[in-house]
Structure formats: structure tokens, C-alpha cells
Amino acid sequence: MIAQNDIGIELWASDDGTALSYTKLIDVTAIPATGAAQGKIEVTVLSSSKKQYIADREDLPDLEFTYNYNADNLAAVQAVADQPYYFMIVYGDGSGAVIYGEGNTWIDAVSRGSAIEAKLNVVPESIDLKTAAEVTALKTA
């Protein structure tokens, strides 16, 4: 496979993150990046003619998902918000990413002639990429 497209991406959730405990949460219209470039710390010594760096701590970015607003979607997301929870992005090829963190949700700004969207923002404690086999072992169906 040369590349993947966005077809088939889903968002799943679990209260404990164990095998067969994830259920589909909602369909999403946009998913965030699951990482960010690592920072660096300058440690140049005066005898060096070039700047020197060491790697900084990994920084986990906030993850902002977009979904179509309706009463059912909002209720589903509110049920998992404002508490630590496991979220799983499932890509079209079956691989994915498991995120453990606390989320909150809101209805986004609305303008004339557009769909009403809502956001789920997750502040992650961990983000782990998973193979298709690992994702299959976590899903309930």
C-alpha cells in the first residue's frame, strides 16, 4: 500500500482500556495529529564553534476532534468527558492510536450555510500507536 486515505476512520472509547472493552463512540469529521516534534535544549559550551543541543522531554499535544453536532453525538461525548478515559482512533487499515486522558466538549461557532460542528478536546497523559492486530484485540465488535 502506497498510502492511506481518510475513509473508515472512527473514534472508539473505553472506561478501562482493557481487551474487548472499546465501543465506537461517534463518527468524526477531523482527527488531530497524535504527536509533535520533540523539543530541544541548548547546551552549547563556550569552546564549541557550533551550537549544541540535547533532546527535551516529549510534549504530548492536546488532541482536538471535530464531529457533527446532534443530540445523540453530544450526549455520547458528554458521557465520557470531564473524567479520565481511554480513546482510540481507528484508521481505515485497522491500525490506530490509544489515548488516555481527560476530555471536554463544546458546540463550535456556527456561520450561515454551514453544518453545526462540535469539538472534543483531550488532554492526554499517554498516546500509544497500535497495529491492526492490537486494535482488533481491543474492540468489542
Protein backbone atom coordinates (compact mmCIF):
# COMPACT_ATOMS: atom_id res chain seq x y z
CA MET A 1 0.00 0.00 0.00
CA ILE A 2 1.44 3.35 -1.05
CA ALA A 3 -0.69 5.48 1.30
CA GLN A 4 -4.00 5.66 3.13
CA ASN A 5 -6.94 7.99 2.84
CA ASP A 6 -9.47 9.17 5.40
CA ILE A 7 -12.19 6.64 4.57
CA GLY A 8 -13.21 4.47 7.50
CA ILE A 9 -11.62 6.43 10.36
CA GLU A 10 -13.56 6.02 13.61
CA LEU A 11 -13.32 7.11 17.25
CA TRP A 12 -13.80 4.47 19.94
CA ALA A 13 -13.76 4.76 23.75
CA SER A 14 -13.35 2.63 26.88
CA ASP A 15 -13.54 3.35 30.59
CA ASP A 16 -10.75 0.89 31.48
CA GLY A 17 -8.71 0.33 28.29
CA THR A 18 -8.73 -3.46 28.53
CA ALA A 19 -9.20 -6.01 25.75
CA LEU A 20 -12.66 -6.10 24.20
CA SER A 21 -13.78 -3.04 26.19
CA TYR A 22 -13.75 -0.38 23.45
CA THR A 23 -17.01 0.61 21.74
CA LYS A 24 -17.49 3.04 18.89
CA LEU A 25 -18.07 6.50 20.35
CA ILE A 26 -19.01 8.68 17.35
CA ASP A 27 -18.16 9.34 13.73
CA VAL A 28 -15.70 12.20 13.39
CA THR A 29 -15.07 14.73 10.64
CA ALA A 30 -11.49 15.56 11.68
CA ILE A 31 -8.86 13.97 13.90
CA PRO A 32 -5.71 15.54 15.34
CA ALA A 33 -2.07 14.63 14.96
CA THR A 34 -1.02 12.03 17.54
CA GLY A 35 2.31 13.65 18.32
CA ALA A 36 4.56 16.65 17.82
CA ALA A 37 8.19 17.37 17.07
CA GLN A 38 10.37 16.89 20.12
CA GLY A 39 11.81 20.00 21.69
CA LYS A 40 15.47 20.63 22.29
CA ILE A 41 17.60 22.25 24.96
CA GLU A 42 20.63 24.28 24.03
CA VAL A 43 23.77 23.15 25.88
CA THR A 44 26.45 24.95 23.86
CA VAL A 45 29.76 25.32 25.63
CA LEU A 46 32.00 28.30 25.00
CA SER A 47 34.72 26.20 23.37
CA SER A 48 32.32 24.97 20.64
CA SER A 49 32.08 26.74 17.29
CA LYS A 50 28.57 25.33 16.75
CA LYS A 51 25.51 25.29 18.91
CA GLN A 52 24.91 22.03 20.74
CA TYR A 53 21.59 20.52 21.79
CA ILE A 54 20.12 17.64 23.71
CA ALA A 55 16.59 16.30 23.42
CA ASP A 56 13.97 17.82 25.71
CA ARG A 57 11.07 15.97 27.31
CA GLU A 58 8.38 14.71 24.98
CA ASP A 59 5.39 17.04 24.86
CA LEU A 60 2.00 15.46 24.23
CA PRO A 61 -0.19 17.90 22.32
CA ASP A 62 -3.85 18.47 23.17
CA LEU A 63 -5.96 16.42 20.77
CA GLU A 64 -8.96 18.16 19.21
CA PHE A 65 -11.51 16.02 17.39
CA THR A 66 -14.32 17.52 15.30
CA TYR A 67 -17.72 15.86 14.95
CA ASN A 68 -21.13 16.73 13.55
CA TYR A 69 -23.35 18.19 16.23
CA ASN A 70 -26.62 16.43 17.02
CA ALA A 71 -28.21 15.50 20.33
CA ASP A 72 -27.05 11.85 20.19
CA ASN A 73 -23.42 12.69 19.37
CA LEU A 74 -23.25 15.37 22.05
CA ALA A 75 -24.76 13.04 24.67
CA ALA A 76 -22.29 10.26 23.78
CA VAL A 77 -19.30 12.57 24.11
CA GLN A 78 -20.59 14.22 27.30
CA ALA A 79 -20.84 10.74 28.86
CA VAL A 80 -17.05 10.27 28.52
CA ALA A 81 -15.97 13.88 29.11
CA ASP A 82 -14.63 15.50 32.28
CA GLN A 83 -13.05 12.28 33.58
CA PRO A 84 -10.01 10.19 32.70
CA TYR A 85 -10.93 7.92 29.77
CA TYR A 86 -9.38 5.83 27.00
CA PHE A 87 -9.97 6.98 23.43
CA MET A 88 -8.91 5.05 20.34
CA ILE A 89 -8.54 6.35 16.81
CA VAL A 90 -9.07 3.52 14.32
CA TYR A 91 -7.70 4.16 10.84
CA GLY A 92 -9.08 2.63 7.65
CA ASP A 93 -6.42 -0.10 7.59
CA GLY A 94 -7.33 -1.19 11.13
CA SER A 95 -4.29 0.31 12.88
CA GLY A 96 -4.80 3.04 15.42
CA ALA A 97 -3.75 5.09 18.40
CA VAL A 98 -4.86 4.73 22.02
CA ILE A 99 -5.06 7.95 24.00
CA TYR A 100 -5.53 8.08 27.76
CA GLY A 101 -6.63 11.45 29.03
CA GLU A 102 -9.41 13.76 30.08
CA GLY A 103 -11.66 15.38 27.51
CA ASN A 104 -14.17 18.17 27.30
CA THR A 105 -16.65 19.03 24.58
CA TRP A 106 -18.47 22.06 23.20
CA ILE A 107 -20.50 23.20 20.22
CA ASP A 108 -18.29 25.15 17.85
CA ALA A 109 -19.06 28.53 16.29
CA VAL A 110 -21.75 28.49 13.61
CA SER A 111 -21.99 30.58 10.47
CA ARG A 112 -24.57 30.91 7.71
CA GLY A 113 -24.77 27.97 5.33
CA SER A 114 -22.62 25.55 7.30
CA ALA A 115 -23.06 22.36 9.30
CA ILE A 116 -23.04 22.75 13.06
CA GLU A 117 -19.96 21.05 14.44
CA ALA A 118 -18.80 20.20 17.92
CA LYS A 119 -15.35 19.61 19.36
CA LEU A 120 -13.86 17.05 21.72
CA ASN A 121 -10.55 18.18 23.19
CA VAL A 122 -8.48 15.57 25.03
CA VAL A 123 -5.56 16.47 27.28
CA PRO A 124 -3.54 13.24 27.02
CA GLU A 125 -1.46 11.50 29.66
CA SER A 126 -0.32 8.95 27.08
CA ILE A 127 -0.59 8.25 23.35
CA ASP A 128 0.32 4.78 22.05
CA LEU A 129 0.29 3.77 18.39
CA LYS A 130 -1.22 0.32 17.77
CA THR A 131 -1.03 -2.23 14.96
CA ALA A 132 -4.21 -3.54 13.33
CA ALA A 133 -3.92 -6.76 15.36
CA GLU A 134 -3.62 -4.80 18.61
CA VAL A 135 -6.63 -2.65 17.71
CA THR A 136 -8.74 -5.72 16.85
CA ALA A 137 -7.97 -7.19 20.27
CA LEU A 138 -9.32 -4.06 21.97
CA LYS A 139 -12.59 -3.63 20.04
CA THR A 140 -15.84 -5.21 21.17
CA ALA A 141 -17.19 -5.74 17.65
